[in-house]
Protein backbone atom coordinates (compact mmCIF):
# COMPACT_ATOMS: atom_id res chain seq x y z
CA MET A 1 9.10 0.63 4.44
CA ILE A 2 7.17 3.85 4.36
CA GLU A 3 5.67 4.69 1.05
CA ILE A 4 5.80 8.22 0.14
CA ARG A 5 2.57 9.32 -2.02
CA LEU A 6 2.97 12.86 -3.35
CA ARG A 7 -0.16 15.31 -3.80
CA VAL A 8 0.41 18.02 -5.72
CA ALA A 9 -1.58 20.70 -8.08
CA ALA A 10 -0.13 18.69 -11.13
CA PRO A 11 -1.97 16.07 -13.09
CA CYS A 12 0.59 13.47 -13.98
CA LEU A 13 2.41 10.41 -13.02
CA VAL A 14 2.04 9.12 -9.48
CA MET A 15 5.13 8.67 -7.84
CA ALA A 16 5.32 6.18 -4.78
CA LYS A 17 8.84 6.54 -3.55
CA ALA A 18 9.97 3.65 -0.40
CA TYR A 19 11.96 5.09 2.72
CA HIS A 20 13.12 3.10 5.83
CA ALA A 21 11.40 3.97 8.82
CA ASN A 22 14.33 5.43 10.20
CA ASP A 23 14.89 8.12 7.29
CA SER A 24 15.23 11.51 9.00
CA PHE A 25 12.08 13.90 7.62
CA PRO A 26 11.45 17.48 8.37
CA PRO A 27 10.07 18.18 11.97
CA VAL A 28 6.45 19.11 11.64
CA ALA A 29 5.19 21.22 14.72
CA ASP A 30 2.23 18.75 15.48
CA VAL A 31 2.25 15.73 13.22
CA ALA A 32 -1.07 14.25 14.27
CA ARG A 33 -2.58 17.78 13.54
CA ALA A 34 -0.79 18.07 10.38
CA THR A 35 -2.50 14.83 9.04
CA THR A 36 -5.91 16.39 9.76
CA ILE A 37 -5.40 19.54 8.20
CA ALA A 38 -3.28 18.74 5.25
CA GLN A 39 -5.94 18.64 2.14
CA SER A 40 -6.08 14.89 2.17
CA VAL A 41 -9.05 14.81 -0.20
CA PRO A 42 -6.80 12.80 -3.18
CA MET A 43 -7.84 15.12 -5.87
CA LYS A 44 -4.75 16.51 -6.61
CA MET A 45 -2.29 13.74 -6.82
CA LEU A 46 1.03 13.51 -8.34
CA GLN A 47 -0.11 11.16 -11.15
CA PHE A 48 -0.67 10.13 -14.85
CA THR A 49 -3.83 11.67 -15.11
CA ALA A 50 -5.36 13.19 -18.41
CA LEU A 51 -8.66 13.53 -17.65
CA SER A 52 -7.86 16.86 -16.59
CA THR A 53 -5.47 17.64 -19.58
CA ALA A 54 -6.70 15.66 -22.46
CA LEU A 55 -8.16 17.49 -25.05
CA LEU A 56 -10.70 16.36 -28.05
CA LEU A 57 -10.40 17.92 -31.25
CA PRO A 58 -12.32 17.26 -33.78
CA ALA A 59 -10.65 16.51 -37.28
CA THR A 60 -11.50 19.51 -38.91
CA ALA A 61 -12.15 22.25 -36.06
CA ALA A 62 -12.32 22.59 -32.73
CA HIS A 63 -15.56 22.84 -31.27
CA THR A 64 -15.73 23.75 -27.13
CA GLU A 65 -19.01 24.29 -26.63
CA PRO A 66 -20.91 22.57 -24.26
CA ALA A 67 -24.24 20.98 -24.84
CA GLN A 68 -26.05 23.23 -22.71
CA GLN A 69 -29.48 22.66 -24.24
CA ALA A 70 -29.25 19.38 -21.93
CA PHE A 71 -28.99 21.62 -18.92
CA ARG A 72 -31.37 23.20 -16.64
CA VAL A 73 -30.88 25.10 -13.31
CA GLY A 74 -31.07 22.91 -10.47
CA ASP A 75 -29.73 19.90 -12.26
CA THR A 76 -27.54 18.05 -10.05
CA TYR A 77 -24.72 15.33 -10.88
CA GLU A 78 -22.73 13.37 -8.73
CA ILE A 79 -19.29 12.71 -10.37
CA THR A 80 -17.04 9.77 -8.86
CA LYS A 81 -13.15 9.92 -10.07
CA THR A 82 -11.46 6.00 -9.06
CA ARG A 83 -7.62 5.20 -9.63
CA ASP A 84 -6.33 2.01 -9.05
CA SER A 85 -2.55 1.25 -9.90
CA SER A 86 -0.41 -2.00 -9.68
CA SER A 87 3.18 -2.31 -10.12
CA GLN A 88 5.61 -5.18 -10.52
CA GLY A 89 9.40 -5.04 -10.35
CA SER A 90 11.85 -7.47 -12.18
CA ASP A 91 13.70 -7.76 -8.19
CA ALA A 92 10.42 -9.45 -7.09
CA SER A 93 8.69 -5.95 -5.57
CA SER A 94 5.42 -5.07 -6.17
CA GLY A 95 2.57 -2.36 -5.45
CA SER A 96 -0.61 -1.55 -5.46
CA SER A 97 -3.02 1.60 -4.64
CA HIS A 98 -6.54 2.46 -4.97
CA ASP A 99 -8.20 6.06 -4.66
CA GLN A 100 -11.70 7.70 -4.77
CA ASP A 101 -13.30 10.46 -4.60
CA THR A 102 -16.70 12.16 -5.43
CA LEU A 103 -17.99 16.06 -6.06
CA ILE A 104 -21.49 17.33 -6.22
CA GLU A 105 -22.39 19.51 -9.39
CA ARG A 106 -25.30 21.59 -9.43
CA ILE A 107 -26.51 23.74 -12.48
CA GLU A 108 -27.15 27.27 -10.84
CA ALA A 109 -27.60 29.12 -13.89
CA VAL A 110 -27.93 28.93 -17.61
CA ARG A 111 -26.66 32.24 -19.37
CA PRO A 112 -26.74 33.07 -23.19
CA ASP A 113 -22.66 32.53 -23.12
CA GLY A 114 -22.31 29.54 -20.56
CA LEU A 115 -23.33 28.03 -17.37
CA GLU A 116 -22.71 29.03 -13.69
CA VAL A 117 -21.77 25.77 -11.86
CA VAL A 118 -21.66 24.84 -8.17
CA PHE A 119 -19.08 22.29 -7.02
CA ASP A 120 -19.25 20.67 -3.79
CA LEU A 121 -18.47 17.89 -1.20
CA PRO A 122 -20.91 15.21 -1.10
CA GLN A 123 -23.92 15.32 1.74
CA GLN A 124 -22.42 12.65 3.71
CA ALA A 125 -19.41 14.98 4.08
CA THR A 126 -18.45 15.63 7.83
CA LYS A 127 -17.45 19.01 9.60
CA GLU A 128 -14.45 18.07 9.91
CA ASP A 129 -14.33 17.28 5.83
CA ARG A 130 -15.33 20.77 5.01
CA ARG A 131 -12.95 22.07 7.54
CA ARG A 132 -9.90 20.70 5.88
CA THR A 133 -11.11 21.44 2.22
CA TRP A 134 -11.74 24.76 1.93
CA GLN A 135 -11.73 24.98 -1.87
CA PHE A 136 -15.57 23.85 -1.55
CA PRO A 137 -18.20 24.69 -2.22
CA ALA A 138 -16.59 26.62 -5.27
CA ARG A 139 -18.91 28.73 -7.80
CA LEU A 140 -17.38 28.48 -11.13
CA PHE A 141 -18.55 30.03 -15.13
CA GLU A 142 -18.38 27.48 -17.77
CA PRO A 143 -18.36 29.50 -20.70
CA ARG A 144 -19.18 28.50 -23.95
CA ASP A 145 -15.91 28.81 -25.64
CA GLY A 146 -12.90 29.56 -22.72
CA GLN A 147 -11.46 29.01 -19.77
CA LEU A 148 -13.21 28.16 -16.36
CA GLN A 149 -13.19 31.24 -13.88
CA LEU A 150 -13.76 31.44 -10.61
CA LEU A 151 -16.97 33.36 -9.21
CA ASN A 152 -16.32 33.06 -5.64
CA GLY A 153 -12.57 33.87 -5.12
CA PRO A 154 -13.58 36.60 -1.92
CA GLU A 155 -15.31 33.65 -0.01
CA LEU A 156 -12.58 31.18 -0.69
CA GLU A 157 -9.81 33.83 0.49
CA LYS A 158 -11.73 33.98 3.64
CA ARG A 159 -11.79 30.17 3.99
CA VAL A 160 -8.08 29.87 3.30
CA ASP A 161 -7.66 31.90 6.43
CA ALA A 162 -9.39 30.09 8.41
CA TRP A 163 -7.98 26.93 7.72
CA LEU A 164 -4.68 28.27 7.97
CA LYS A 165 -5.55 29.87 11.83
CA TRP A 166 -7.06 26.35 11.99
CA GLY A 167 -3.79 24.56 11.41
CA LYS A 168 -1.98 26.86 13.19
CA MET A 169 0.39 28.11 10.20
CA THR A 170 0.93 31.22 8.58
CA ARG A 171 1.15 32.54 4.93
CA GLU A 172 4.57 31.55 4.71
CA ALA A 173 3.75 28.10 4.82
CA CYS A 174 2.11 28.24 1.56
CA GLY A 175 3.54 26.22 -1.47
CA HIS A 176 5.83 24.43 0.71
CA TRP A 177 5.70 20.73 1.46
CA ILE A 178 4.99 18.50 4.44
CA PHE A 179 5.32 14.73 5.38
CA THR A 180 3.13 12.98 7.41
CA TRP A 181 1.64 9.82 6.01
CA ASN A 182 1.27 10.94 2.68
CA ALA A 183 3.82 13.93 1.29
CA PHE A 184 1.08 17.27 0.87
CA LYS A 185 1.44 20.79 -0.41
CA ILE A 186 0.06 23.58 1.36
CA GLU A 187 -2.29 25.28 -1.23
CA CYS A 188 -3.51 28.63 -0.53
CA ASP A 189 -4.51 29.93 -3.69
CA PRO A 190 -8.09 30.07 -4.80
CA HIS A 191 -7.68 29.38 -8.16
CA SER A 192 -6.68 25.80 -7.61
CA VAL A 193 -9.82 24.76 -7.48
CA ILE A 194 -10.34 25.51 -11.07
CA GLU A 195 -7.74 22.84 -11.66
CA THR A 196 -9.47 20.16 -9.22
CA VAL A 197 -12.78 20.81 -10.58
CA GLN A 198 -11.33 20.11 -14.28
CA GLN A 199 -9.91 16.39 -12.82
CA PHE A 200 -14.00 15.83 -12.13
CA ASP A 201 -15.67 17.84 -15.10
CA PRO A 202 -13.58 17.70 -18.38
CA ARG A 203 -15.45 19.37 -21.04
CA LEU A 204 -15.56 17.25 -24.37
CA PRO A 205 -16.36 18.67 -27.51
CA ASP A 206 -18.74 16.95 -30.08
CA LEU A 207 -17.63 13.06 -29.80
CA ARG A 208 -17.32 11.46 -33.45
CA ALA A 209 -15.64 8.86 -35.07
CA GLY A 210 -11.94 10.36 -36.41
CA ALA A 211 -11.96 13.02 -34.02
CA LEU A 212 -8.54 13.66 -32.64
CA TYR A 213 -7.85 12.60 -28.93
CA ARG A 214 -4.67 14.65 -27.37
CA ASP A 215 -3.31 13.40 -24.17
CA ALA A 216 -0.54 15.29 -22.24
CA HIS A 217 1.22 12.56 -21.63
CA ALA A 218 0.70 10.59 -25.42
CA LEU A 219 3.87 11.26 -27.91
CA ARG A 220 0.93 12.05 -30.57
CA PRO A 221 -2.94 12.22 -30.85
CA ALA A 222 -4.96 9.34 -32.19
CA PRO A 223 -8.26 9.27 -34.09
CA LEU A 224 -11.40 8.28 -31.81
CA THR A 225 -13.01 5.03 -32.86
CA MET A 226 -16.72 4.68 -32.34
CA LYS A 227 -16.90 1.02 -30.62
CA ALA A 228 -20.64 1.03 -29.96
CA SER A 229 -23.87 3.29 -30.88
CA SER A 230 -27.33 3.42 -29.93
CA SER A 231 -30.23 5.39 -29.44
CA GLU A 232 -29.03 5.84 -25.85
CA GLY A 233 -25.18 7.19 -26.48
CA SER A 234 -22.06 5.83 -27.77
CA THR A 235 -18.54 4.60 -26.90
CA PHE A 236 -15.50 5.76 -28.30
CA THR A 237 -12.02 4.80 -27.74
CA ALA A 238 -8.77 6.10 -28.98
CA VAL A 239 -5.12 4.23 -28.27
CA MET A 240 -1.53 6.24 -28.14
CA PRO A 241 1.84 5.36 -27.36
CA ILE A 242 3.36 7.10 -23.98
CA ASP A 243 5.61 10.02 -24.61
CA PRO A 244 8.54 9.06 -22.59
CA LYS A 245 9.99 12.43 -21.87
CA ALA A 246 6.47 13.56 -20.09
CA VAL A 247 7.00 10.73 -18.06
CA GLN A 248 10.74 11.53 -17.17
CA HIS A 249 9.68 15.07 -16.82
CA ASP A 250 7.12 14.36 -14.03
CA ARG A 251 9.43 11.96 -12.25
CA ALA A 252 12.19 14.39 -12.09
CA GLU A 253 9.36 17.11 -10.46
CA ALA A 254 8.75 14.31 -8.03
CA ASP A 255 11.97 14.00 -6.93
CA VAL A 256 12.43 17.96 -6.40
CA VAL A 257 9.60 17.48 -4.29
CA ILE A 258 10.84 14.46 -2.10
CA GLY A 259 14.39 16.25 -1.92
CA GLU A 260 12.66 19.25 -0.29
CA ILE A 261 10.74 17.20 2.24
CA MET A 262 14.01 15.09 2.88
CA ARG A 263 16.20 18.43 2.96
CA LYS A 264 18.47 16.97 0.61
CA PRO A 265 17.73 19.30 -2.36
CA VAL A 266 18.05 18.61 -5.77
CA THR A 267 17.74 20.94 -8.80
CA LEU A 268 14.70 19.86 -11.44
CA ASP A 269 17.82 20.28 -14.39
CA ALA A 270 19.75 17.33 -12.07
CA ALA A 271 17.10 15.20 -11.46
CA LEU A 272 15.82 15.19 -15.38
CA VAL A 273 19.76 13.98 -15.80
CA GLN A 274 18.70 10.63 -13.97
CA ARG A 275 15.44 10.07 -14.93
CA GLU A 276 16.44 10.36 -18.89
CA LYS A 277 18.54 7.27 -18.10
CA GLU A 278 15.48 5.47 -18.01
CA ALA A 279 13.52 3.94 -20.95
CA VAL A 280 9.88 4.30 -20.59
CA SER A 281 7.53 2.87 -22.97
CA GLY A 282 3.86 2.07 -23.06
CA THR A 283 0.46 2.88 -24.03
CA ILE A 284 -2.55 4.85 -23.00
CA GLU A 285 -5.75 3.45 -23.83
CA VAL A 286 -8.98 6.24 -23.37
CA THR A 287 -12.67 4.78 -23.74
CA ILE A 288 -15.75 7.24 -23.58
CA ASN A 289 -19.17 6.80 -22.85
CA ALA A 290 -21.65 9.76 -23.70
CA ASP A 291 -25.39 9.58 -23.77
CA ALA A 292 -27.24 10.42 -26.87
CA GLY A 293 -26.84 14.70 -26.42
CA GLY A 294 -23.37 14.15 -26.27
CA ASN A 295 -22.79 14.59 -22.25
CA LEU A 296 -20.30 12.81 -20.34
CA LEU A 297 -21.54 9.54 -18.71
CA SER A 298 -17.94 7.68 -17.82
CA MET A 299 -14.38 8.28 -18.90
CA THR A 300 -11.44 5.22 -18.51
CA ARG A 301 -8.22 5.84 -18.91
CA VAL A 302 -5.80 2.61 -19.07
CA THR A 303 -1.80 3.30 -18.55
CA LYS A 304 0.50 0.54 -19.40
CA SER A 305 4.04 1.52 -18.74
CA GLN A 306 7.19 -0.26 -18.55
CA THR A 307 10.65 1.01 -17.10
CA LYS A 308 13.94 -0.07 -17.42
CA LYS A 309 16.15 1.86 -14.77
CA SER A 310 19.80 2.42 -15.08
CA ASP A 311 20.55 -0.51 -13.32
CA GLY A 312 18.77 -2.76 -15.46
CA MET A 313 15.71 -3.20 -13.03
CA VAL A 314 12.57 -3.29 -14.95
CA GLN A 315 9.36 -2.09 -13.62
CA THR A 316 5.73 -2.60 -15.05
CA GLU A 317 2.88 -0.72 -13.88
CA THR A 318 -1.09 -0.14 -14.90
CA VAL A 319 -3.19 2.38 -13.88
CA LYS A 320 -7.22 2.42 -14.41
CA GLU A 321 -8.70 5.74 -13.87
CA THR A 322 -12.31 6.11 -14.41
CA LEU A 323 -14.40 9.28 -14.01
CA GLU A 324 -18.36 8.54 -13.87
CA ARG A 325 -21.10 11.02 -13.99
CA ARG A 326 -24.51 10.33 -12.56
CA LEU A 327 -27.74 12.49 -12.53
CA LEU A 328 -28.85 12.72 -9.32
CA SER A 329 -31.89 15.15 -9.83
CA SER A 330 -33.38 16.88 -12.51
CA ARG A 331 -36.03 19.81 -12.15
CA LYS A 332 -38.91 19.28 -14.82
CA PRO A 333 -39.04 22.03 -17.91
């Protein structure tokens, strides 16, 4: 059996689907080379991750200013994102997976209206890693109030062209999917790096007991509860029920992608009809650790779900996602 893991630009539920080795896959000009050139850093997996889509909203008013007084030009952080999943079916099937990725964040400028930040691959990244991951380094502006903005778009455009040339592909391949060991989307949009960065650097408003935590895959928001507090920082948690429709929609989108790869097209509406026959339930629990200045140290999200399929088979899954941010170096004031 071959497990297909979809890697796309949308943060949602990991869909792993098994196919027999003799199933017919679309031809790839050079599968070995495609495996190398496809953006294989698992930053854009079709997964149940709200580390990039979750929003913290205080109970009274939204406050989205980053705590810039704690940042200095030259400050460098290592951000590691880890994902572990395990599943068990009533038919005795089971599976597990582990993914880990790291980005380096460096403060380039502190402006009155926000921060200029460079995100890059770790120092140990090889030339091959950099060749296939054209999105980095990326320079972005993090405004005190507003959306992330890409500052070196023209540079990324040139890298996309070089990447396509190296992979012996044309712009016509952009947006399409290929299958190697995993399913990959050929991403060519420089601004896609913003979504990738958001998965590694969620900007959190003020953290305090009672602030509403919203999750893209939760049925409703939940108030934060302070579990611990000291002079070094605080720990907050929130527990929310899963939104079955959000999960069903994500799985239907994955079915559409699989249909494209297998050359058996299916519309999103048709996929939704089938997925809505499944009964989905479960919880999402988030734990946030912040320092005394309100800066993120770590964020853990545990999703426990149960799916009863139309044929009666029941599948349970636990997904643990952890984001850790560690200061590597800081310039003295």
